N, C-alpha and C. Protein backbone atom coordinates (compact mmCIF):
# COMPACT_ATOMS: atom_id res chain seq x y z
N UNK A 1 0.87 -1.22 -0.11
CA UNK A 1 0.05 -0.17 0.06
C UNK A 1 0.85 1.27 0.03
N UNK A 2 0.51 2.29 -0.76
CA UNK A 2 1.32 3.38 -0.97
C UNK A 2 0.96 4.42 0.12
N UNK A 3 1.93 4.72 0.79
CA UNK A 3 1.69 5.55 2.08
C UNK A 3 2.37 6.83 2.18
N UNK A 4 2.77 7.41 0.80
CA UNK A 4 3.20 8.69 0.94
C UNK A 4 2.81 9.24 -0.44
N UNK A 5 2.89 10.74 -0.53
CA UNK A 5 2.21 11.14 -1.75
C UNK A 5 0.89 11.65 -1.78
N UNK A 6 0.46 12.46 -2.81
CA UNK A 6 -0.80 13.11 -2.90
C UNK A 6 -1.99 11.94 -2.52
N UNK A 7 -1.92 10.69 -3.04
CA UNK A 7 -2.77 9.97 -2.90
C UNK A 7 -2.64 8.87 -1.86
N UNK A 8 -1.99 9.18 -0.85
CA UNK A 8 -1.70 8.08 0.34
C UNK A 8 -3.14 7.78 1.00
N UNK A 9 -4.02 8.75 1.19
CA UNK A 9 -5.11 8.59 1.85
C UNK A 9 -6.07 7.48 1.31
N UNK A 10 -5.79 7.36 -0.19
CA UNK A 10 -6.67 6.43 -0.81
C UNK A 10 -6.37 5.04 -0.57
N UNK A 11 -5.07 4.68 0.16
CA UNK A 11 -4.55 3.21 0.47
C UNK A 11 -4.71 2.46 -0.80
N UNK A 12 -3.89 3.03 -1.95
CA UNK A 12 -3.78 2.27 -3.13
C UNK A 12 -2.64 1.18 -3.05
N UNK A 13 -2.69 0.03 -3.53
CA UNK A 13 -1.72 -0.75 -3.91
C UNK A 13 -0.83 -0.24 -4.98
N UNK A 14 0.33 -0.63 -5.09
CA UNK A 14 1.38 -0.09 -6.14
C UNK A 14 0.76 0.02 -7.39
N UNK A 15 0.19 -1.29 -7.71
CA UNK A 15 -0.32 -1.43 -9.29
C UNK A 15 -1.33 -0.34 -9.52
N UNK A 16 -2.36 -0.07 -8.66
CA UNK A 16 -3.34 0.79 -8.49
C UNK A 16 -2.74 2.36 -8.76
N UNK A 17 -2.05 2.56 -7.89
CA UNK A 17 -1.13 3.77 -8.06
C UNK A 17 -0.52 4.17 -9.24
N UNK A 18 0.15 3.21 -9.84
CA UNK A 18 0.87 3.37 -11.14
C UNK A 18 -0.32 3.60 -12.04
N UNK A 19 -1.31 2.57 -12.11
CA UNK A 19 -2.37 3.04 -13.09
C UNK A 19 -3.03 4.35 -13.08
N UNK A 20 -3.26 4.76 -11.70
CA UNK A 20 -3.68 6.27 -11.68
C UNK A 20 -2.71 7.24 -12.09
N UNK A 21 -1.55 7.01 -11.99
CA UNK A 21 -0.37 8.16 -12.61
C UNK A 21 -0.38 8.03 -14.05
N UNK A 22 -0.78 6.68 -14.73
CA UNK A 22 -0.93 6.63 -16.16
C UNK A 22 -2.01 7.19 -16.58
N UNK A 23 -3.09 7.37 -15.92
CA UNK A 23 -4.39 8.00 -16.26
C UNK A 23 -3.81 9.54 -16.49
N UNK A 24 -3.21 10.02 -15.33
CA UNK A 24 -2.91 11.40 -15.21
C UNK A 24 -1.97 11.72 -16.52
N UNK A 25 -0.94 10.96 -16.68
CA UNK A 25 -0.03 11.08 -17.72
C UNK A 25 -0.62 11.02 -19.22
N UNK A 26 -1.80 10.42 -19.37
CA UNK A 26 -2.41 10.30 -20.65
C UNK A 26 -3.31 11.46 -20.90
N UNK A 27 -3.86 12.25 -19.63
CA UNK A 27 -4.35 13.34 -19.72
C UNK A 27 -3.44 14.45 -20.18
N UNK A 28 -2.26 14.47 -19.54
CA UNK A 28 -1.29 15.51 -19.93
C UNK A 28 -0.79 15.27 -21.35
N UNK A 29 -0.61 14.12 -21.87
CA UNK A 29 -0.15 13.81 -23.18
C UNK A 29 -1.54 14.43 -24.25
N UNK A 30 -2.71 14.40 -23.58
CA UNK A 30 -3.81 14.80 -24.59
C UNK A 30 -3.82 16.42 -24.50
N UNK A 31 -2.96 17.09 -23.95
CA UNK A 31 -2.72 18.44 -24.09
C UNK A 31 -2.17 18.86 -25.61
N UNK A 32 -1.39 18.00 -26.13
CA UNK A 32 -0.68 18.02 -27.30
C UNK A 32 -2.04 18.23 -28.42
N UNK A 33 -2.09 19.39 -29.01
CA UNK A 33 -3.10 19.64 -30.00
C UNK A 33 -2.84 18.88 -31.45
N UNK A 34 -1.40 18.08 -31.66
CA UNK A 34 -1.23 17.38 -32.59
C UNK A 34 -1.84 15.96 -32.53
N UNK A 35 -2.03 15.58 -31.33
CA UNK A 35 -2.66 14.32 -30.83
C UNK A 35 -3.85 14.04 -31.55
N UNK A 36 -3.95 13.02 -32.38
CA UNK A 36 -5.27 12.98 -33.39
C UNK A 36 -6.31 11.78 -32.83
N UNK A 37 -5.87 10.96 -31.87
CA UNK A 37 -7.02 10.13 -31.47
C UNK A 37 -8.10 10.42 -30.72
N UNK A 38 -7.93 11.46 -29.90
CA UNK A 38 -9.06 12.40 -29.08
C UNK A 38 -8.88 13.70 -29.10
N UNK A 39 -9.70 14.35 -28.87
CA UNK A 39 -9.68 15.91 -28.79
C UNK A 39 -8.71 16.31 -27.82
N UNK A 40 -8.09 17.29 -27.98
CA UNK A 40 -6.99 17.81 -27.00
C UNK A 40 -7.60 18.37 -25.50
N UNK A 41 -6.85 18.25 -24.70
CA UNK A 41 -7.31 18.56 -23.26
C UNK A 41 -6.51 19.89 -23.19
N UNK A 42 -6.78 21.12 -23.45
CA UNK A 42 -5.87 22.17 -23.45
C UNK A 42 -5.70 22.81 -21.86
N UNK A 43 -6.58 22.50 -21.37
CA UNK A 43 -6.77 23.10 -19.88
C UNK A 43 -6.64 22.18 -18.60
N UNK A 44 -5.80 21.25 -18.95
CA UNK A 44 -5.43 20.34 -17.86
C UNK A 44 -5.14 20.93 -16.65
N UNK A 45 -5.78 20.47 -15.40
CA UNK A 45 -5.66 21.24 -14.12
C UNK A 45 -5.36 19.88 -13.14
N UNK A 46 -4.16 19.91 -12.57
CA UNK A 46 -3.67 18.68 -11.82
C UNK A 46 -4.41 18.72 -10.57
N UNK A 47 -4.78 19.82 -10.02
CA UNK A 47 -5.38 20.01 -8.75
C UNK A 47 -6.67 19.48 -8.91
N UNK A 48 -7.56 19.59 -10.10
CA UNK A 48 -8.96 19.15 -10.25
C UNK A 48 -8.86 17.49 -10.23
N UNK A 49 -7.81 17.00 -10.92
CA UNK A 49 -7.70 15.63 -11.04
C UNK A 49 -7.44 15.05 -9.78
N UNK A 50 -6.67 15.51 -8.92
CA UNK A 50 -6.14 15.15 -7.52
C UNK A 50 -7.36 15.35 -6.55
N UNK A 51 -8.00 16.46 -6.71
CA UNK A 51 -9.19 16.66 -5.96
C UNK A 51 -10.27 15.63 -6.12
N UNK A 52 -10.47 15.29 -7.33
CA UNK A 52 -11.64 14.25 -7.70
C UNK A 52 -11.37 12.97 -7.15
N UNK A 53 -10.18 12.40 -7.15
CA UNK A 53 -9.90 11.05 -6.59
C UNK A 53 -9.96 11.28 -5.17
N UNK A 54 -9.20 12.13 -4.49
CA UNK A 54 -9.36 12.44 -2.99
C UNK A 54 -10.79 12.52 -2.54
N UNK A 55 -11.53 13.22 -3.29
CA UNK A 55 -13.08 13.52 -2.74
C UNK A 55 -13.84 12.21 -2.93
N UNK A 56 -13.42 11.34 -4.02
CA UNK A 56 -14.29 10.00 -4.07
C UNK A 56 -14.18 9.16 -2.94
N UNK A 57 -12.87 9.38 -2.49
CA UNK A 57 -12.36 8.28 -1.39
C UNK A 57 -11.84 6.93 -1.99
N UNK A 58 -11.24 6.31 -1.09
CA UNK A 58 -10.53 5.06 -1.44
C UNK A 58 -11.42 4.00 -2.32
N UNK A 59 -12.57 3.54 -1.83
CA UNK A 59 -13.30 2.54 -2.36
C UNK A 59 -13.69 2.88 -3.89
N UNK A 60 -14.27 3.96 -3.88
CA UNK A 60 -14.70 4.42 -5.37
C UNK A 60 -13.66 4.75 -6.42
N UNK A 61 -12.26 5.34 -5.66
CA UNK A 61 -11.27 5.57 -6.75
C UNK A 61 -10.69 4.28 -7.10
N UNK A 62 -10.67 3.27 -6.28
CA UNK A 62 -10.16 1.90 -6.51
C UNK A 62 -11.16 1.36 -7.78
N UNK A 63 -12.41 1.32 -7.71
CA UNK A 63 -13.22 0.89 -8.50
C UNK A 63 -13.07 1.44 -9.94
N UNK A 64 -12.96 2.70 -9.94
CA UNK A 64 -12.56 3.54 -11.10
C UNK A 64 -11.38 2.97 -11.74
N UNK A 65 -10.19 2.87 -10.94
CA UNK A 65 -8.92 2.51 -11.42
C UNK A 65 -8.88 1.19 -11.99
N UNK A 66 -9.86 0.29 -11.43
CA UNK A 66 -9.79 -1.20 -11.77
C UNK A 66 -10.66 -1.00 -13.12
N UNK A 67 -11.66 -0.49 -13.40
CA UNK A 67 -12.16 -0.35 -14.73
C UNK A 67 -11.26 0.23 -15.67
N UNK A 68 -10.40 1.24 -15.56
CA UNK A 68 -9.49 1.87 -16.38
C UNK A 68 -8.35 0.71 -16.63
N UNK A 69 -8.06 -0.09 -15.69
CA UNK A 69 -7.12 -1.18 -15.69
C UNK A 69 -7.54 -2.08 -16.79
N UNK A 70 -8.83 -2.44 -16.87
CA UNK A 70 -9.37 -3.31 -17.90
C UNK A 70 -9.41 -2.79 -19.14
N UNK A 71 -9.67 -1.46 -19.34
CA UNK A 71 -9.47 -0.89 -20.69
C UNK A 71 -8.07 -0.67 -21.17
N UNK A 72 -7.36 -0.61 -20.30
CA UNK A 72 -5.72 -0.47 -20.72
C UNK A 72 -5.28 -1.70 -21.31
N UNK A 73 -5.71 -2.76 -20.64
CA UNK A 73 -5.26 -4.04 -21.17
C UNK A 73 -6.05 -4.52 -22.55
N UNK A 74 -6.91 -3.65 -23.15
CA UNK A 74 -7.31 -4.13 -24.37
C UNK A 74 -6.49 -3.74 -25.41
N UNK A 75 -5.32 -3.03 -25.10
CA UNK A 75 -4.58 -2.34 -26.25
C UNK A 75 -5.30 -1.70 -27.45
N UNK A 76 -6.20 -0.66 -27.28
CA UNK A 76 -6.77 0.09 -28.23
C UNK A 76 -7.10 1.41 -27.71
N UNK A 77 -7.78 2.30 -28.43
CA UNK A 77 -8.01 3.71 -28.12
C UNK A 77 -9.09 3.97 -27.03
N UNK A 78 -9.73 2.95 -26.60
CA UNK A 78 -10.61 3.08 -25.73
C UNK A 78 -10.27 3.75 -24.43
N UNK A 79 -8.84 3.19 -23.93
CA UNK A 79 -8.36 3.77 -22.68
C UNK A 79 -8.28 5.38 -22.86
N UNK A 80 -7.81 5.91 -23.95
CA UNK A 80 -7.70 7.35 -24.06
C UNK A 80 -8.86 7.93 -24.16
N UNK A 81 -9.77 7.33 -24.84
CA UNK A 81 -11.16 8.20 -25.00
C UNK A 81 -11.80 8.13 -23.67
N UNK A 82 -11.64 7.02 -22.95
CA UNK A 82 -12.34 7.28 -21.47
C UNK A 82 -11.47 8.15 -20.52
N UNK A 83 -10.22 8.14 -20.77
CA UNK A 83 -9.74 9.10 -19.76
C UNK A 83 -9.89 10.38 -20.31
N UNK A 84 -10.34 10.70 -21.74
CA UNK A 84 -10.55 11.93 -21.98
C UNK A 84 -11.96 12.27 -21.36
N UNK A 85 -12.95 11.29 -21.32
CA UNK A 85 -14.28 11.73 -20.85
C UNK A 85 -14.22 11.78 -19.23
N UNK A 86 -13.08 11.07 -18.59
CA UNK A 86 -13.02 11.26 -17.27
C UNK A 86 -12.85 12.68 -16.82
N UNK A 87 -11.61 13.34 -17.76
CA UNK A 87 -11.37 14.59 -17.45
C UNK A 87 -12.38 15.49 -17.73
N UNK A 88 -13.10 15.35 -18.70
CA UNK A 88 -14.07 16.27 -18.87
C UNK A 88 -15.27 16.37 -17.77
N UNK A 89 -15.64 15.07 -17.29
CA UNK A 89 -16.47 14.93 -16.10
C UNK A 89 -15.87 15.84 -14.85
N UNK A 90 -14.56 15.54 -14.74
CA UNK A 90 -13.83 16.25 -13.47
C UNK A 90 -13.79 17.80 -13.90
N UNK A 91 -13.77 18.29 -15.03
CA UNK A 91 -13.65 19.58 -15.39
C UNK A 91 -15.00 20.19 -15.07
N UNK A 92 -16.02 19.63 -15.45
CA UNK A 92 -17.36 20.05 -15.23
C UNK A 92 -17.72 20.33 -13.76
N UNK A 93 -16.89 19.30 -12.91
CA UNK A 93 -17.33 19.49 -11.38
C UNK A 93 -16.33 20.59 -10.88
N UNK A 94 -15.22 20.95 -11.19
CA UNK A 94 -14.54 21.68 -10.58
C UNK A 94 -14.16 23.04 -11.35
N UNK A 95 -14.10 23.28 -12.43
CA UNK A 95 -13.84 24.49 -13.25
C UNK A 95 -14.62 25.69 -12.97
N UNK A 96 -14.19 26.77 -12.63
CA UNK A 96 -14.73 27.84 -12.41
C UNK A 96 -15.20 28.52 -13.65
N UNK A 97 -14.54 28.01 -14.91
CA UNK A 97 -15.03 28.62 -15.98
C UNK A 97 -16.43 28.15 -16.51
N UNK A 98 -16.83 27.10 -16.03
CA UNK A 98 -18.17 26.58 -16.38
C UNK A 98 -19.15 27.01 -15.38
N UNK A 99 -20.12 27.63 -15.97
CA UNK A 99 -21.17 28.33 -15.32
C UNK A 99 -22.52 27.65 -15.27
N UNK A 100 -23.15 27.43 -14.11
CA UNK A 100 -24.47 26.73 -14.26
C UNK A 100 -25.50 27.46 -13.73
N UNK A 101 -26.78 27.15 -13.84
CA UNK A 101 -27.84 27.89 -13.43
C UNK A 101 -27.74 28.57 -12.26
N UNK A 102 -27.93 29.96 -12.00
CA UNK A 102 -27.89 30.46 -10.73
C UNK A 102 -26.46 31.26 -10.28
N UNK A 103 -25.56 30.72 -11.11
CA UNK A 103 -24.13 31.08 -10.73
C UNK A 103 -23.69 32.33 -11.59
N UNK A 104 -23.44 33.55 -11.11
CA UNK A 104 -23.13 34.71 -11.58
C UNK A 104 -24.19 35.23 -12.59
N UNK A 105 -25.36 34.93 -12.27
CA UNK A 105 -26.69 35.45 -13.08
C UNK A 105 -26.90 34.57 -14.38
N UNK A 106 -26.14 33.33 -14.67
CA UNK A 106 -26.35 32.64 -15.78
C UNK A 106 -27.64 31.85 -15.67
N UNK A 107 -28.31 32.09 -17.09
CA UNK A 107 -29.69 31.21 -17.25
C UNK A 107 -29.32 30.67 -18.77
N UNK A 108 -30.09 29.55 -18.75
CA UNK A 108 -29.83 28.80 -20.10
C UNK A 108 -31.41 28.72 -20.56
N UNK A 109 -31.46 28.91 -21.97
CA UNK A 109 -32.77 28.36 -22.56
C UNK A 109 -32.72 27.61 -23.70
N UNK A 110 -33.71 26.87 -23.82
CA UNK A 110 -33.79 25.83 -25.05
C UNK A 110 -35.27 25.86 -25.39
N UNK A 111 -35.35 26.14 -26.96
CA UNK A 111 -36.58 26.39 -27.59
C UNK A 111 -37.53 27.31 -26.82
N UNK A 112 -36.83 28.73 -26.54
CA UNK A 112 -37.51 29.69 -25.91
C UNK A 112 -37.87 29.43 -24.39
N UNK A 113 -37.63 28.23 -23.84
CA UNK A 113 -37.98 28.07 -22.32
C UNK A 113 -36.65 27.98 -21.43
N UNK A 114 -36.83 28.54 -20.33
CA UNK A 114 -35.61 28.31 -19.37
C UNK A 114 -35.27 27.12 -18.96
N UNK A 115 -34.12 26.60 -19.04
CA UNK A 115 -33.75 25.20 -18.57
C UNK A 115 -32.79 25.32 -17.34
N UNK A 116 -33.12 24.72 -16.40
CA UNK A 116 -32.36 24.58 -15.17
C UNK A 116 -31.24 23.69 -15.33
N UNK A 117 -29.87 24.12 -15.23
CA UNK A 117 -28.73 23.50 -15.50
C UNK A 117 -27.95 23.50 -14.07
N UNK A 118 -28.22 22.54 -13.23
CA UNK A 118 -27.66 22.67 -11.87
C UNK A 118 -26.00 22.17 -11.99
N UNK A 119 -25.10 22.41 -11.14
CA UNK A 119 -23.87 21.93 -11.27
C UNK A 119 -24.01 20.47 -10.71
N UNK A 120 -23.17 19.60 -11.24
CA UNK A 120 -23.19 18.19 -11.09
C UNK A 120 -22.59 17.82 -9.69
N UNK A 121 -22.86 17.00 -9.02
CA UNK A 121 -22.32 16.43 -7.89
C UNK A 121 -21.22 15.56 -8.09
N UNK A 122 -20.37 15.27 -7.21
CA UNK A 122 -19.22 14.07 -7.29
C UNK A 122 -19.65 12.70 -7.63
N UNK A 123 -21.01 12.53 -6.89
CA UNK A 123 -21.62 11.32 -7.12
C UNK A 123 -22.16 11.18 -8.49
N UNK A 124 -22.67 12.03 -9.18
CA UNK A 124 -23.33 12.18 -10.60
C UNK A 124 -22.05 11.99 -11.45
N UNK A 125 -21.00 12.68 -11.05
CA UNK A 125 -19.93 12.48 -12.18
C UNK A 125 -19.23 11.09 -12.03
N UNK A 126 -19.30 10.62 -10.74
CA UNK A 126 -18.67 9.24 -10.72
C UNK A 126 -19.46 8.14 -11.49
N UNK A 127 -20.68 8.16 -11.13
CA UNK A 127 -21.43 7.54 -11.88
C UNK A 127 -21.57 7.50 -13.47
N UNK A 128 -21.38 8.80 -13.93
CA UNK A 128 -21.39 8.96 -15.23
C UNK A 128 -20.16 8.29 -15.96
N UNK A 129 -18.88 8.55 -15.20
CA UNK A 129 -17.78 7.91 -15.64
C UNK A 129 -17.91 6.42 -15.58
N UNK A 130 -18.21 5.84 -14.49
CA UNK A 130 -18.37 4.51 -14.38
C UNK A 130 -19.35 3.84 -15.45
N UNK A 131 -20.48 4.36 -15.59
CA UNK A 131 -21.45 3.91 -16.62
C UNK A 131 -20.83 3.94 -18.08
N UNK A 132 -20.13 5.07 -18.22
CA UNK A 132 -19.45 5.15 -19.67
C UNK A 132 -18.64 4.14 -19.87
N UNK A 133 -17.82 3.71 -18.85
CA UNK A 133 -16.86 2.85 -19.14
C UNK A 133 -17.61 1.27 -19.26
N UNK A 134 -18.65 1.03 -18.31
CA UNK A 134 -19.04 -0.33 -18.19
C UNK A 134 -19.96 -0.54 -19.43
N UNK A 135 -20.75 0.55 -19.97
CA UNK A 135 -21.60 0.37 -21.05
C UNK A 135 -21.19 0.47 -22.33
N UNK A 136 -20.20 1.47 -22.59
CA UNK A 136 -19.74 1.48 -23.95
C UNK A 136 -18.27 1.14 -24.15
N UNK A 137 -17.41 1.34 -23.27
CA UNK A 137 -16.12 0.61 -23.52
C UNK A 137 -15.82 -0.53 -23.30
N UNK A 138 -16.37 -1.17 -22.27
CA UNK A 138 -16.11 -2.73 -22.00
C UNK A 138 -17.02 -3.57 -22.67
N UNK A 139 -17.45 -3.26 -23.80
CA UNK A 139 -18.37 -4.23 -24.56
C UNK A 139 -17.60 -5.13 -25.33
């Protein structure tokens, strides 16, 4: 069990920690606009990434890491696509650049009607990532 570093509270085994670092490195590599497999991630924020997994806690973090491990073993672009999806969910949760209904006077309309767009919760984002991997990537 890893007992030092940012993720020490998650009580990750060495293999889990390595995979979490691989996920982080993949996001950093996706910052390259010349990378063609998935859209670039120009605004990667390591604080958001770390906070997401720390806020999830040990059990849920390990569950997501395990799912990403299954994807990584498939030797295709699914891993990169799901890492991109993961970061978009993390960004939606923590980025102050994304405004939701009621934040700073923001209102959203669709077909002339006001639509309430609440800020997602960490639980919603966790289940969104998990469902995406289970239903679409691990088929």
